Amino acid sequence: MGLCYPDDHLWQVMNSYEYRELMNIPFDEDAKEWEMCATMPHLFLQADFDASLGYQLAPLLDKGVPILIYNGDQDYICNWIGAQYWTNALVWEGQ
């Protein structure tokens, strides 16, 4: 059991060769594996939980960097409705 959810199935999918190839994520000995509730993103957001940082994704999307925004429909911390609103409002060239 992971920190947030039972994560066996998510770990298998997110670290599978097929998924990583589809998302253009390197799959070699130097590549990091996906992990549920990774510490680093939380450390990045510790500075201000009330800040909206979605606008910082637009330049990455404009450069063709694939972005995965994931919220579970049962997630009580990061609900999908809030993510839907800010992703729909995000302005970038590829829309």
C-alpha atoms as a PDB file:
ATOM      1  CA  MET A   1       0.000   0.000   0.000  1.00  0.00           C
ATOM      2  CA  GLY A   2       1.382   3.396  -0.956  1.00  0.00           C
ATOM      3  CA  LEU A   3       1.136   6.612   1.012  1.00  0.00           C
ATOM      4  CA  CYS A   4      -2.081   7.733  -0.685  1.00  0.00           C
ATOM      5  CA  TYR A   5      -3.795   4.736  -2.287  1.00  0.00           C
ATOM      6  CA  PRO A   6      -3.242   1.081  -3.001  1.00  0.00           C
ATOM      7  CA  ASP A   7      -0.811   1.695  -5.851  1.00  0.00           C
ATOM      8  CA  ASP A   8       0.153  -1.723  -7.246  1.00  0.00           C
ATOM      9  CA  HIS A   9      -1.746  -1.264 -10.506  1.00  0.00           C
ATOM     10  CA  LEU A  10      -0.660   2.355 -11.050  1.00  0.00           C
ATOM     11  CA  TRP A  11       3.015   1.536 -10.532  1.00  0.00           C
ATOM     12  CA  GLN A  12       2.758  -1.285 -13.068  1.00  0.00           C
ATOM     13  CA  VAL A  13       1.108   0.924 -15.687  1.00  0.00           C
ATOM     14  CA  MET A  14       3.206   4.071 -15.187  1.00  0.00           C
ATOM     15  CA  ASN A  15       6.494   2.153 -15.261  1.00  0.00           C
ATOM     16  CA  SER A  16       5.541  -0.172 -18.108  1.00  0.00           C
ATOM     17  CA  TYR A  17       7.562  -0.027 -21.307  1.00  0.00           C
ATOM     18  CA  GLU A  18       4.405   0.620 -23.353  1.00  0.00           C
ATOM     19  CA  TYR A  19       3.307   3.634 -21.299  1.00  0.00           C
ATOM     20  CA  ARG A  20       6.782   5.166 -21.082  1.00  0.00           C
ATOM     21  CA  GLU A  21       7.256   4.736 -24.828  1.00  0.00           C
ATOM     22  CA  LEU A  22       3.851   6.348 -25.516  1.00  0.00           C
ATOM     23  CA  MET A  23       4.708   9.319 -23.279  1.00  0.00           C
ATOM     24  CA  ASN A  24       8.282   9.514 -24.650  1.00  0.00           C
ATOM     25  CA  ILE A  25       9.806   8.887 -21.206  1.00  0.00           C
ATOM     26  CA  PRO A  26      13.293   7.326 -21.234  1.00  0.00           C
ATOM     27  CA  PHE A  27      13.428   3.698 -20.164  1.00  0.00           C
ATOM     28  CA  ASP A  28      17.033   2.965 -19.314  1.00  0.00           C
ATOM     29  CA  GLU A  29      19.140   2.370 -16.194  1.00  0.00           C
ATOM     30  CA  ASP A  30      19.480   6.132 -15.537  1.00  0.00           C
ATOM     31  CA  ALA A  31      15.744   6.860 -15.812  1.00  0.00           C
ATOM     32  CA  LYS A  32      13.781   7.310 -12.614  1.00  0.00           C
ATOM     33  CA  GLU A  33      10.751   5.170 -12.004  1.00  0.00           C
ATOM     34  CA  TRP A  34       7.349   6.689 -11.393  1.00  0.00           C
ATOM     35  CA  GLU A  35       6.311   6.553  -7.754  1.00  0.00           C
ATOM     36  CA  MET A  36       3.059   7.246  -5.973  1.00  0.00           C
ATOM     37  CA  CYS A  37       3.189  10.304  -3.713  1.00  0.00           C
ATOM     38  CA  ALA A  38       6.751  11.183  -4.703  1.00  0.00           C
ATOM     39  CA  THR A  39       8.423  13.529  -2.232  1.00  0.00           C
ATOM     40  CA  MET A  40       9.958  16.018  -4.680  1.00  0.00           C
ATOM     41  CA  PRO A  41       6.723  17.516  -6.107  1.00  0.00           C
ATOM     42  CA  HIS A  42       5.444  18.047  -2.574  1.00  0.00           C
ATOM     43  CA  LEU A  43       8.657  19.814  -1.569  1.00  0.00           C
ATOM     44  CA  PHE A  44       8.273  22.091  -4.608  1.00  0.00           C
ATOM     45  CA  LEU A  45       4.747  23.050  -3.565  1.00  0.00           C
ATOM     46  CA  GLN A  46       5.476  23.504   0.141  1.00  0.00           C
ATOM     47  CA  ALA A  47       6.282  27.185  -0.383  1.00  0.00           C
ATOM     48  CA  ASP A  48       2.684  28.137  -1.165  1.00  0.00           C
ATOM     49  CA  PHE A  49      -0.236  25.733  -1.338  1.00  0.00           C
ATOM     50  CA  ASP A  50      -2.588  28.540  -2.350  1.00  0.00           C
ATOM     51  CA  ALA A  51      -0.598  29.629  -5.423  1.00  0.00           C
ATOM     52  CA  SER A  52      -1.715  28.693  -8.922  1.00  0.00           C
ATOM     53  CA  LEU A  53       1.291  27.469 -10.878  1.00  0.00           C
ATOM     54  CA  GLY A  54      -0.583  26.016 -13.855  1.00  0.00           C
ATOM     55  CA  TYR A  55       0.462  28.912 -16.082  1.00  0.00           C
ATOM     56  CA  GLN A  56       4.043  27.624 -15.856  1.00  0.00           C
ATOM     57  CA  LEU A  57       2.979  24.563 -17.872  1.00  0.00           C
ATOM     58  CA  ALA A  58       2.075  26.595 -20.967  1.00  0.00           C
ATOM     59  CA  PRO A  59       5.702  27.202 -22.053  1.00  0.00           C
ATOM     60  CA  LEU A  60       6.455  23.493 -21.596  1.00  0.00           C
ATOM     61  CA  LEU A  61       3.409  22.501 -23.646  1.00  0.00           C
ATOM     62  CA  ASP A  62       4.391  25.037 -26.313  1.00  0.00           C
ATOM     63  CA  LYS A  63       7.776  23.275 -26.559  1.00  0.00           C
ATOM     64  CA  GLY A  64       6.082  19.900 -27.008  1.00  0.00           C
ATOM     65  CA  VAL A  65       6.868  18.491 -23.564  1.00  0.00           C
ATOM     66  CA  PRO A  66       4.229  15.849 -22.780  1.00  0.00           C
ATOM     67  CA  ILE A  67       2.415  16.626 -19.543  1.00  0.00           C
ATOM     68  CA  LEU A  68       0.254  14.214 -17.555  1.00  0.00           C
ATOM     69  CA  ILE A  69      -2.227  15.760 -15.150  1.00  0.00           C
ATOM     70  CA  TYR A  70      -3.711  13.058 -12.991  1.00  0.00           C
ATOM     71  CA  ASN A  71      -6.382  13.303 -10.307  1.00  0.00           C
ATOM     72  CA  GLY A  72      -8.441  10.358  -9.160  1.00  0.00           C
ATOM     73  CA  ASP A  73     -12.204  10.634  -8.941  1.00  0.00           C
ATOM     74  CA  GLN A  74     -11.953   9.549  -5.286  1.00  0.00           C
ATOM     75  CA  ASP A  75      -9.084  11.917  -4.428  1.00  0.00           C
ATOM     76  CA  TYR A  76      -9.940  14.068  -1.431  1.00  0.00           C
ATOM     77  CA  ILE A  77      -6.742  16.152  -1.561  1.00  0.00           C
ATOM     78  CA  CYS A  78      -6.452  17.034  -5.275  1.00  0.00           C
ATOM     79  CA  ASN A  79      -9.938  16.606  -6.673  1.00  0.00           C
ATOM     80  CA  TRP A  80     -10.453  16.279 -10.408  1.00  0.00           C
ATOM     81  CA  ILE A  81     -12.968  19.136 -10.637  1.00  0.00           C
ATOM     82  CA  GLY A  82     -10.362  21.732  -9.659  1.00  0.00           C
ATOM     83  CA  ALA A  83      -7.887  20.216 -12.112  1.00  0.00           C
ATOM     84  CA  GLN A  84     -10.513  20.278 -14.863  1.00  0.00           C
ATOM     85  CA  TYR A  85     -11.180  23.989 -14.286  1.00  0.00           C
ATOM     86  CA  TRP A  86      -7.543  25.073 -14.373  1.00  0.00           C
ATOM     87  CA  THR A  87      -6.585  22.849 -17.311  1.00  0.00           C
ATOM     88  CA  ASN A  88      -9.567  24.145 -19.325  1.00  0.00           C
ATOM     89  CA  ALA A  89      -8.494  27.709 -18.529  1.00  0.00           C
ATOM     90  CA  LEU A  90      -4.836  27.105 -19.475  1.00  0.00           C
ATOM     91  CA  VAL A  91      -3.833  29.105 -22.565  1.00  0.00           C
ATOM     92  CA  TRP A  92      -1.120  27.668 -24.812  1.00  0.00           C
ATOM     93  CA  GLU A  93      -0.333  27.521 -28.538  1.00  0.00           C
ATOM     94  CA  GLY A  94      -1.383  23.897 -29.101  1.00  0.00           C
ATOM     95  CA  GLN A  95      -5.010  24.330 -28.111  1.00  0.00           C
END
